[in-house]
Amino acid sequence: MLYKHPYVILRREIDHINFQKKYIEDEHFIELYEDKIITAENKFDLKIVFDMSYKMLSDKYGFFYLHTTKGVFTYQVKQDPAELIAQFRKVEIK
């Protein structure tokens, strides 16, 4: 593995006894290898990945975009993924 970057999946649960909503963050990682990218939900060969970008929406959350031939996949991040993108640029297939 060359690099890994954390992302979160927010899920909402309802406490039916106390009638309260609560939000739970599950942390996962985007893992960059020399020939693939693996997330909790997907595995991408680098041959189909043609770009990465991100937009921080606040000081707490932002969106990381993985541009592939199968569409754009979005991941919610809490940290700037600039180093992940820099590492991808070194191994990307052009």
PDB file of N, CA and C in Angstrom:
ATOM      1  N   MET A   1       0.835  -1.169   0.000  1.00  0.00           N
ATOM      2  CA  MET A   1       0.000   0.000   0.000  1.00  0.00           C
ATOM      3  C   MET A   1       0.888   1.243   0.000  1.00  0.00           C
ATOM      4  N   LEU A   2       0.563   2.185  -0.885  1.00  0.00           N
ATOM      5  CA  LEU A   2       1.348   3.410  -0.986  1.00  0.00           C
ATOM      6  C   LEU A   2       0.869   4.480  -0.014  1.00  0.00           C
ATOM      7  N   TYR A   3      -0.444   4.570   0.146  1.00  0.00           N
ATOM      8  CA  TYR A   3      -1.005   5.628   0.987  1.00  0.00           C
ATOM      9  C   TYR A   3      -2.441   5.276   1.332  1.00  0.00           C
ATOM     10  N   LYS A   4      -2.902   5.740   2.487  1.00  0.00           N
ATOM     11  CA  LYS A   4      -4.322   5.593   2.812  1.00  0.00           C
ATOM     12  C   LYS A   4      -4.822   6.876   3.451  1.00  0.00           C
ATOM     13  N   HIS A   5      -6.072   7.201   3.142  1.00  0.00           N
ATOM     14  CA  HIS A   5      -6.680   8.438   3.630  1.00  0.00           C
ATOM     15  C   HIS A   5      -8.048   8.111   4.224  1.00  0.00           C
ATOM     16  N   PRO A   6      -8.363   8.659   5.396  1.00  0.00           N
ATOM     17  CA  PRO A   6      -9.649   8.339   6.024  1.00  0.00           C
ATOM     18  C   PRO A   6     -10.823   9.075   5.377  1.00  0.00           C
ATOM     19  N   TYR A   7     -11.963   8.418   5.385  1.00  0.00           N
ATOM     20  CA  TYR A   7     -13.234   9.052   5.028  1.00  0.00           C
ATOM     21  C   TYR A   7     -14.291   8.516   5.967  1.00  0.00           C
ATOM     22  N   VAL A   8     -15.419   9.209   6.036  1.00  0.00           N
ATOM     23  CA  VAL A   8     -16.473   8.801   6.962  1.00  0.00           C
ATOM     24  C   VAL A   8     -17.770   8.543   6.210  1.00  0.00           C
ATOM     25  N   ILE A   9     -18.529   7.622   6.759  1.00  0.00           N
ATOM     26  CA  ILE A   9     -19.894   7.388   6.302  1.00  0.00           C
ATOM     27  C   ILE A   9     -20.783   7.723   7.490  1.00  0.00           C
ATOM     28  N   LEU A  10     -21.675   8.689   7.296  1.00  0.00           N
ATOM     29  CA  LEU A  10     -22.596   9.075   8.358  1.00  0.00           C
ATOM     30  C   LEU A  10     -23.864   8.250   8.244  1.00  0.00           C
ATOM     31  N   ARG A  11     -24.304   7.723   9.366  1.00  0.00           N
ATOM     32  CA  ARG A  11     -25.582   7.019   9.363  1.00  0.00           C
ATOM     33  C   ARG A  11     -26.427   7.551  10.501  1.00  0.00           C
ATOM     34  N   ARG A  12     -27.713   7.520  10.276  1.00  0.00           N
ATOM     35  CA  ARG A  12     -28.648   8.042  11.260  1.00  0.00           C
ATOM     36  C   ARG A  12     -29.370   6.877  11.921  1.00  0.00           C
ATOM     37  N   GLU A  13     -29.432   6.927  13.228  1.00  0.00           N
ATOM     38  CA  GLU A  13     -30.180   5.923  13.977  1.00  0.00           C
ATOM     39  C   GLU A  13     -31.232   6.628  14.812  1.00  0.00           C
ATOM     40  N   ILE A  14     -32.331   5.944  15.037  1.00  0.00           N
ATOM     41  CA  ILE A  14     -33.406   6.499  15.841  1.00  0.00           C
ATOM     42  C   ILE A  14     -33.562   5.648  17.095  1.00  0.00           C
ATOM     43  N   ASP A  15     -33.510   6.321  18.217  1.00  0.00           N
ATOM     44  CA  ASP A  15     -33.754   5.668  19.501  1.00  0.00           C
ATOM     45  C   ASP A  15     -35.257   5.731  19.741  1.00  0.00           C
ATOM     46  N   HIS A  16     -35.925   4.612  19.538  1.00  0.00           N
ATOM     47  CA  HIS A  16     -37.387   4.588  19.635  1.00  0.00           C
ATOM     48  C   HIS A  16     -37.879   4.662  21.077  1.00  0.00           C
ATOM     49  N   ILE A  17     -37.023   4.411  22.016  1.00  0.00           N
ATOM     50  CA  ILE A  17     -37.424   4.500  23.424  1.00  0.00           C
ATOM     51  C   ILE A  17     -37.423   5.954  23.886  1.00  0.00           C
ATOM     52  N   ASN A  18     -36.350   6.691  23.544  1.00  0.00           N
ATOM     53  CA  ASN A  18     -36.234   8.096  23.960  1.00  0.00           C
ATOM     54  C   ASN A  18     -36.654   9.074  22.871  1.00  0.00           C
ATOM     55  N   PHE A  19     -37.053   8.560  21.714  1.00  0.00           N
ATOM     56  CA  PHE A  19     -37.488   9.387  20.583  1.00  0.00           C
ATOM     57  C   PHE A  19     -36.436  10.421  20.200  1.00  0.00           C
ATOM     58  N   GLN A  20     -35.210   9.940  20.018  1.00  0.00           N
ATOM     59  CA  GLN A  20     -34.115  10.816  19.634  1.00  0.00           C
ATOM     60  C   GLN A  20     -33.417  10.270  18.399  1.00  0.00           C
ATOM     61  N   LYS A  21     -32.975  11.212  17.565  1.00  0.00           N
ATOM     62  CA  LYS A  21     -32.144  10.866  16.412  1.00  0.00           C
ATOM     63  C   LYS A  21     -30.691  11.022  16.824  1.00  0.00           C
ATOM     64  N   LYS A  22     -29.859  10.114  16.365  1.00  0.00           N
ATOM     65  CA  LYS A  22     -28.435  10.316  16.575  1.00  0.00           C
ATOM     66  C   LYS A  22     -27.693   9.945  15.300  1.00  0.00           C
ATOM     67  N   TYR A  23     -26.611  10.659  15.071  1.00  0.00           N
ATOM     68  CA  TYR A  23     -25.789  10.433  13.893  1.00  0.00           C
ATOM     69  C   TYR A  23     -24.498   9.746  14.318  1.00  0.00           C
ATOM     70  N   ILE A  24     -24.151   8.712  13.585  1.00  0.00           N
ATOM     71  CA  ILE A  24     -22.959   7.935  13.901  1.00  0.00           C
ATOM     72  C   ILE A  24     -22.012   7.990  12.706  1.00  0.00           C
ATOM     73  N   GLU A  25     -20.753   8.299  12.977  1.00  0.00           N
ATOM     74  CA  GLU A  25     -19.719   8.327  11.937  1.00  0.00           C
ATOM     75  C   GLU A  25     -18.966   7.009  11.938  1.00  0.00           C
ATOM     76  N   ASP A  26     -18.947   6.357  10.804  1.00  0.00           N
ATOM     77  CA  ASP A  26     -18.128   5.159  10.626  1.00  0.00           C
ATOM     78  C   ASP A  26     -16.911   5.557   9.800  1.00  0.00           C
ATOM     79  N   GLU A  27     -15.718   5.333  10.329  1.00  0.00           N
ATOM     80  CA  GLU A  27     -14.498   5.703   9.611  1.00  0.00           C
ATOM     81  C   GLU A  27     -14.002   4.533   8.769  1.00  0.00           C
ATOM     82  N   HIS A  28     -13.651   4.846   7.528  1.00  0.00           N
ATOM     83  CA  HIS A  28     -13.088   3.881   6.584  1.00  0.00           C
ATOM     84  C   HIS A  28     -11.881   4.538   5.922  1.00  0.00           C
ATOM     85  N   PHE A  29     -11.224   3.808   5.024  1.00  0.00           N
ATOM     86  CA  PHE A  29     -10.039   4.353   4.361  1.00  0.00           C
ATOM     87  C   PHE A  29     -10.095   4.153   2.854  1.00  0.00           C
ATOM     88  N   ILE A  30      -9.587   5.151   2.139  1.00  0.00           N
ATOM     89  CA  ILE A  30      -9.311   5.036   0.712  1.00  0.00           C
ATOM     90  C   ILE A  30      -7.855   4.588   0.647  1.00  0.00           C
ATOM     91  N   GLU A  31      -7.627   3.399   0.115  1.00  0.00           N
ATOM     92  CA  GLU A  31      -6.280   2.827   0.082  1.00  0.00           C
ATOM     93  C   GLU A  31      -5.742   2.847  -1.344  1.00  0.00           C
ATOM     94  N   LEU A  32      -4.599   3.489  -1.515  1.00  0.00           N
ATOM     95  CA  LEU A  32      -3.954   3.587  -2.823  1.00  0.00           C
ATOM     96  C   LEU A  32      -2.826   2.566  -2.920  1.00  0.00           C
ATOM     97  N   TYR A  33      -2.888   1.747  -3.953  1.00  0.00           N
ATOM     98  CA  TYR A  33      -1.841   0.774  -4.264  1.00  0.00           C
ATOM     99  C   TYR A  33      -1.249   1.147  -5.620  1.00  0.00           C
ATOM    100  N   GLU A  34      -0.210   0.476  -6.048  1.00  0.00           N
ATOM    101  CA  GLU A  34       0.426   0.790  -7.331  1.00  0.00           C
ATOM    102  C   GLU A  34      -0.482   0.514  -8.515  1.00  0.00           C
ATOM    103  N   ASP A  35      -1.465  -0.369  -8.358  1.00  0.00           N
ATOM    104  CA  ASP A  35      -2.320  -0.742  -9.485  1.00  0.00           C
ATOM    105  C   ASP A  35      -3.815  -0.640  -9.212  1.00  0.00           C
ATOM    106  N   LYS A  36      -4.195  -0.205  -7.999  1.00  0.00           N
ATOM    107  CA  LYS A  36      -5.623  -0.154  -7.670  1.00  0.00           C
ATOM    108  C   LYS A  36      -5.886   0.806  -6.521  1.00  0.00           C
ATOM    109  N   ILE A  37      -7.170   1.118  -6.349  1.00  0.00           N
ATOM    110  CA  ILE A  37      -7.658   1.887  -5.207  1.00  0.00           C
ATOM    111  C   ILE A  37      -8.769   1.061  -4.579  1.00  0.00           C
ATOM    112  N   ILE A  38      -8.715   0.925  -3.264  1.00  0.00           N
ATOM    113  CA  ILE A  38      -9.722   0.138  -2.557  1.00  0.00           C
ATOM    114  C   ILE A  38     -10.381   1.011  -1.492  1.00  0.00           C
ATOM    115  N   THR A  39     -11.717   0.966  -1.452  1.00  0.00           N
ATOM    116  CA  THR A  39     -12.488   1.604  -0.389  1.00  0.00           C
ATOM    117  C   THR A  39     -13.324   0.516   0.275  1.00  0.00           C
ATOM    118  N   ALA A  40     -14.084   0.891   1.277  1.00  0.00           N
ATOM    119  CA  ALA A  40     -14.937  -0.093   1.959  1.00  0.00           C
ATOM    120  C   ALA A  40     -15.999  -0.655   1.019  1.00  0.00           C
ATOM    121  N   GLU A  41     -16.409   0.138   0.034  1.00  0.00           N
ATOM    122  CA  GLU A  41     -17.487  -0.272  -0.861  1.00  0.00           C
ATOM    123  C   GLU A  41     -17.026  -0.762  -2.224  1.00  0.00           C
ATOM    124  N   ASN A  42     -15.869  -0.315  -2.679  1.00  0.00           N
ATOM    125  CA  ASN A  42     -15.461  -0.569  -4.065  1.00  0.00           C
ATOM    126  C   ASN A  42     -13.974  -0.865  -4.192  1.00  0.00           C
ATOM    127  N   LYS A  43     -13.645  -1.451  -5.337  1.00  0.00           N
ATOM    128  CA  LYS A  43     -12.253  -1.664  -5.738  1.00  0.00           C
ATOM    129  C   LYS A  43     -12.140  -1.166  -7.176  1.00  0.00           C
ATOM    130  N   PHE A  44     -11.157  -0.304  -7.442  1.00  0.00           N
ATOM    131  CA  PHE A  44     -10.972   0.275  -8.767  1.00  0.00           C
ATOM    132  C   PHE A  44      -9.571  -0.040  -9.276  1.00  0.00           C
ATOM    133  N   ASP A  45      -9.463  -0.578 -10.482  1.00  0.00           N
ATOM    134  CA  ASP A  45      -8.163  -0.682 -11.138  1.00  0.00           C
ATOM    135  C   ASP A  45      -7.743   0.729 -11.530  1.00  0.00           C
ATOM    136  N   LEU A  46      -6.461   1.038 -11.419  1.00  0.00           N
ATOM    137  CA  LEU A  46      -6.005   2.387 -11.779  1.00  0.00           C
ATOM    138  C   LEU A  46      -6.239   2.697 -13.249  1.00  0.00           C
ATOM    139  N   LYS A  47      -6.414   1.656 -14.066  1.00  0.00           N
ATOM    140  CA  LYS A  47      -6.677   1.874 -15.496  1.00  0.00           C
ATOM    141  C   LYS A  47      -7.965   2.654 -15.724  1.00  0.00           C
ATOM    142  N   ILE A  48      -8.927   2.543 -14.798  1.00  0.00           N
ATOM    143  CA  ILE A  48     -10.211   3.224 -15.002  1.00  0.00           C
ATOM    144  C   ILE A  48     -10.325   4.530 -14.217  1.00  0.00           C
ATOM    145  N   VAL A  49      -9.306   4.872 -13.426  1.00  0.00           N
ATOM    146  CA  VAL A  49      -9.320   6.117 -12.648  1.00  0.00           C
ATOM    147  C   VAL A  49      -8.569   7.175 -13.441  1.00  0.00           C
ATOM    148  N   PHE A  50      -9.259   8.295 -13.754  1.00  0.00           N
ATOM    149  CA  PHE A  50      -8.553   9.313 -14.527  1.00  0.00           C
ATOM    150  C   PHE A  50      -8.366  10.629 -13.795  1.00  0.00           C
ATOM    151  N   ASP A  51      -8.950  10.794 -12.614  1.00  0.00           N
ATOM    152  CA  ASP A  51      -8.704  12.026 -11.866  1.00  0.00           C
ATOM    153  C   ASP A  51      -9.209  11.889 -10.441  1.00  0.00           C
ATOM    154  N   MET A  52      -8.722  12.783  -9.594  1.00  0.00           N
ATOM    155  CA  MET A  52      -9.192  12.928  -8.221  1.00  0.00           C
ATOM    156  C   MET A  52      -9.296  14.412  -7.947  1.00  0.00           C
ATOM    157  N   SER A  53     -10.301  14.793  -7.162  1.00  0.00           N
ATOM    158  CA  SER A  53     -10.437  16.187  -6.765  1.00  0.00           C
ATOM    159  C   SER A  53     -11.143  16.237  -5.421  1.00  0.00           C
ATOM    160  N   TYR A  54     -11.170  17.405  -4.835  1.00  0.00           N
ATOM    161  CA  TYR A  54     -11.881  17.548  -3.567  1.00  0.00           C
ATOM    162  C   TYR A  54     -12.323  18.983  -3.366  1.00  0.00           C
ATOM    163  N   LYS A  55     -13.292  19.137  -2.486  1.00  0.00           N
ATOM    164  CA  LYS A  55     -13.763  20.461  -2.106  1.00  0.00           C
ATOM    165  C   LYS A  55     -14.092  20.404  -0.624  1.00  0.00           C
ATOM    166  N   MET A  56     -13.390  21.195   0.162  1.00  0.00           N
ATOM    167  CA  MET A  56     -13.701  21.280   1.585  1.00  0.00           C
ATOM    168  C   MET A  56     -14.853  22.273   1.735  1.00  0.00           C
ATOM    169  N   LEU A  57     -15.929  21.840   2.361  1.00  0.00           N
ATOM    170  CA  LEU A  57     -17.122  22.669   2.495  1.00  0.00           C
ATOM    171  C   LEU A  57     -17.107  23.503   3.769  1.00  0.00           C
ATOM    172  N   SER A  58     -16.383  23.050   4.754  1.00  0.00           N
ATOM    173  CA  SER A  58     -16.265  23.770   6.019  1.00  0.00           C
ATOM    174  C   SER A  58     -14.951  23.348   6.656  1.00  0.00           C
ATOM    175  N   ASP A  59     -14.718  23.791   7.873  1.00  0.00           N
ATOM    176  CA  ASP A  59     -13.496  23.349   8.547  1.00  0.00           C
ATOM    177  C   ASP A  59     -13.637  21.933   9.087  1.00  0.00           C
ATOM    178  N   LYS A  60     -14.852  21.359   8.981  1.00  0.00           N
ATOM    179  CA  LYS A  60     -15.092  20.015   9.513  1.00  0.00           C
ATOM    180  C   LYS A  60     -15.228  18.940   8.432  1.00  0.00           C
ATOM    181  N   TYR A  61     -15.897  19.250   7.322  1.00  0.00           N
ATOM    182  CA  TYR A  61     -16.171  18.239   6.299  1.00  0.00           C
ATOM    183  C   TYR A  61     -15.906  18.769   4.891  1.00  0.00           C
ATOM    184  N   GLY A  62     -15.622  17.830   4.004  1.00  0.00           N
ATOM    185  CA  GLY A  62     -15.492  18.132   2.592  1.00  0.00           C
ATOM    186  C   GLY A  62     -15.823  16.890   1.793  1.00  0.00           C
ATOM    187  N   PHE A  63     -15.764  17.022   0.471  1.00  0.00           N
ATOM    188  CA  PHE A  63     -16.037  15.892  -0.405  1.00  0.00           C
ATOM    189  C   PHE A  63     -14.812  15.594  -1.261  1.00  0.00           C
ATOM    190  N   PHE A  64     -14.473  14.339  -1.335  1.00  0.00           N
ATOM    191  CA  PHE A  64     -13.403  13.835  -2.187  1.00  0.00           C
ATOM    192  C   PHE A  64     -14.081  13.135  -3.356  1.00  0.00           C
ATOM    193  N   TYR A  65     -13.662  13.467  -4.571  1.00  0.00           N
ATOM    194  CA  TYR A  65     -14.270  12.907  -5.777  1.00  0.00           C
ATOM    195  C   TYR A  65     -13.259  12.022  -6.501  1.00  0.00           C
ATOM    196  N   LEU A  66     -13.674  10.800  -6.769  1.00  0.00           N
ATOM    197  CA  LEU A  66     -12.861   9.848  -7.517  1.00  0.00           C
ATOM    198  C   LEU A  66     -13.494   9.714  -8.895  1.00  0.00           C
ATOM    199  N   HIS A  67     -12.826  10.247  -9.919  1.00  0.00           N
ATOM    200  CA  HIS A  67     -13.353  10.272 -11.284  1.00  0.00           C
ATOM    201  C   HIS A  67     -12.896   9.009 -12.013  1.00  0.00           C
ATOM    202  N   THR A  68     -13.852   8.195 -12.442  1.00  0.00           N
ATOM    203  CA  THR A  68     -13.532   6.940 -13.124  1.00  0.00           C
ATOM    204  C   THR A  68     -14.342   6.826 -14.410  1.00  0.00           C
ATOM    205  N   THR A  69     -14.018   5.827 -15.200  1.00  0.00           N
ATOM    206  CA  THR A  69     -14.802   5.580 -16.412  1.00  0.00           C
ATOM    207  C   THR A  69     -16.189   5.044 -16.075  1.00  0.00           C
ATOM    208  N   LYS A  70     -16.407   4.647 -14.835  1.00  0.00           N
ATOM    209  CA  LYS A  70     -17.722   4.163 -14.391  1.00  0.00           C
ATOM    210  C   LYS A  70     -18.535   5.251 -13.699  1.00  0.00           C
ATOM    211  N   GLY A  71     -18.021   6.471 -13.681  1.00  0.00           N
ATOM    212  CA  GLY A  71     -18.713   7.583 -13.036  1.00  0.00           C
ATOM    213  C   GLY A  71     -17.855   8.198 -11.942  1.00  0.00           C
ATOM    214  N   VAL A  72     -18.434   9.184 -11.275  1.00  0.00           N
ATOM    215  CA  VAL A  72     -17.744   9.878 -10.191  1.00  0.00           C
ATOM    216  C   VAL A  72     -18.238   9.307  -8.861  1.00  0.00           C
ATOM    217  N   PHE A  73     -17.309   8.908  -8.027  1.00  0.00           N
ATOM    218  CA  PHE A  73     -17.631   8.364  -6.711  1.00  0.00           C
ATOM    219  C   PHE A  73     -17.240   9.407  -5.667  1.00  0.00           C
ATOM    220  N   THR A  74     -18.147   9.687  -4.743  1.00  0.00           N
ATOM    221  CA  THR A  74     -17.963  10.747  -3.758  1.00  0.00           C
ATOM    222  C   THR A  74     -17.768  10.157  -2.368  1.00  0.00           C
ATOM    223  N   TYR A  75     -16.809  10.722  -1.648  1.00  0.00           N
ATOM    224  CA  TYR A  75     -16.519  10.278  -0.285  1.00  0.00           C
ATOM    225  C   TYR A  75     -16.436  11.506   0.614  1.00  0.00           C
ATOM    226  N   GLN A  76     -17.020  11.412   1.794  1.00  0.00           N
ATOM    227  CA  GLN A  76     -16.993  12.518   2.741  1.00  0.00           C
ATOM    228  C   GLN A  76     -15.718  12.424   3.574  1.00  0.00           C
ATOM    229  N   VAL A  77     -14.928  13.497   3.553  1.00  0.00           N
ATOM    230  CA  VAL A  77     -13.643  13.509   4.258  1.00  0.00           C
ATOM    231  C   VAL A  77     -13.630  14.600   5.318  1.00  0.00           C
ATOM    232  N   LYS A  78     -12.787  14.392   6.315  1.00  0.00           N
ATOM    233  CA  LYS A  78     -12.622  15.381   7.380  1.00  0.00           C
ATOM    234  C   LYS A  78     -11.256  16.057   7.302  1.00  0.00           C
ATOM    235  N   GLN A  79     -10.374  15.522   6.456  1.00  0.00           N
ATOM    236  CA  GLN A  79      -9.026  16.067   6.296  1.00  0.00           C
ATOM    237  C   GLN A  79      -8.750  16.286   4.811  1.00  0.00           C
ATOM    238  N   ASP A  80      -7.922  17.246   4.543  1.00  0.00           N
ATOM    239  CA  ASP A  80      -7.521  17.561   3.178  1.00  0.00           C
ATOM    240  C   ASP A  80      -6.809  16.348   2.555  1.00  0.00           C
ATOM    241  N   PRO A  81      -7.306  15.833   1.419  1.00  0.00           N
ATOM    242  CA  PRO A  81      -6.686  14.658   0.792  1.00  0.00           C
ATOM    243  C   PRO A  81      -5.587  14.999  -0.219  1.00  0.00           C
ATOM    244  N   ALA A  82      -4.947  16.146  -0.077  1.00  0.00           N
ATOM    245  CA  ALA A  82      -3.932  16.576  -1.047  1.00  0.00           C
ATOM    246  C   ALA A  82      -2.790  15.569  -1.179  1.00  0.00           C
ATOM    247  N   GLU A  83      -2.377  14.961  -0.088  1.00  0.00           N
ATOM    248  CA  GLU A  83      -1.272  13.989  -0.159  1.00  0.00           C
ATOM    249  C   GLU A  83      -1.697  12.730  -0.904  1.00  0.00           C
ATOM    250  N   LEU A  84      -2.930  12.294  -0.721  1.00  0.00           N
ATOM    251  CA  LEU A  84      -3.447  11.146  -1.481  1.00  0.00           C
ATOM    252  C   LEU A  84      -3.415  11.456  -2.974  1.00  0.00           C
ATOM    253  N   ILE A  85      -3.851  12.644  -3.339  1.00  0.00           N
ATOM    254  CA  ILE A  85      -3.860  13.042  -4.750  1.00  0.00           C
ATOM    255  C   ILE A  85      -2.429  13.117  -5.289  1.00  0.00           C
ATOM    256  N   ALA A  86      -1.508  13.644  -4.503  1.00  0.00           N
ATOM    257  CA  ALA A  86      -0.104  13.729  -4.935  1.00  0.00           C
ATOM    258  C   ALA A  86       0.490  12.336  -5.156  1.00  0.00           C
ATOM    259  N   GLN A  87       0.173  11.406  -4.273  1.00  0.00           N
ATOM    260  CA  GLN A  87       0.664  10.035  -4.436  1.00  0.00           C
ATOM    261  C   GLN A  87       0.038   9.370  -5.660  1.00  0.00           C
ATOM    262  N   PHE A  88      -1.240   9.658  -5.907  1.00  0.00           N
ATOM    263  CA  PHE A  88      -1.912   9.121  -7.096  1.00  0.00           C
ATOM    264  C   PHE A  88      -1.237   9.624  -8.368  1.00  0.00           C
ATOM    265  N   ARG A  89      -0.866  10.901  -8.396  1.00  0.00           N
ATOM    266  CA  ARG A  89      -0.223  11.482  -9.585  1.00  0.00           C
ATOM    267  C   ARG A  89       1.073  10.750  -9.944  1.00  0.00           C
ATOM    268  N   LYS A  90       1.745  10.193  -8.958  1.00  0.00           N
ATOM    269  CA  LYS A  90       3.003   9.476  -9.210  1.00  0.00           C
ATOM    270  C   LYS A  90       2.786   8.128  -9.890  1.00  0.00           C
ATOM    271  N   VAL A  91       1.617   7.514  -9.670  1.00  0.00           N
ATOM    272  CA  VAL A  91       1.390   6.161 -10.204  1.00  0.00           C
ATOM    273  C   VAL A  91       0.259   6.090 -11.229  1.00  0.00           C
ATOM    274  N   GLU A  92      -0.403   7.221 -11.486  1.00  0.00           N
ATOM    275  CA  GLU A  92      -1.554   7.167 -12.395  1.00  0.00           C
ATOM    276  C   GLU A  92      -1.148   6.692 -13.784  1.00  0.00           C
ATOM    277  N   ILE A  93      -2.065   6.011 -14.441  1.00  0.00           N
ATOM    278  CA  ILE A  93      -1.838   5.488 -15.787  1.00  0.00           C
ATOM    279  C   ILE A  93      -2.405   6.485 -16.778  1.00  0.00           C
ATOM    280  N   LYS A  94      -1.537   6.996 -17.656  1.00  0.00           N
ATOM    281  CA  LYS A  94      -1.991   8.016 -18.620  1.00  0.00           C
ATOM    282  C   LYS A  94      -2.139   7.424 -19.987  1.00  0.00           C
TER     283      LYS A  94
END
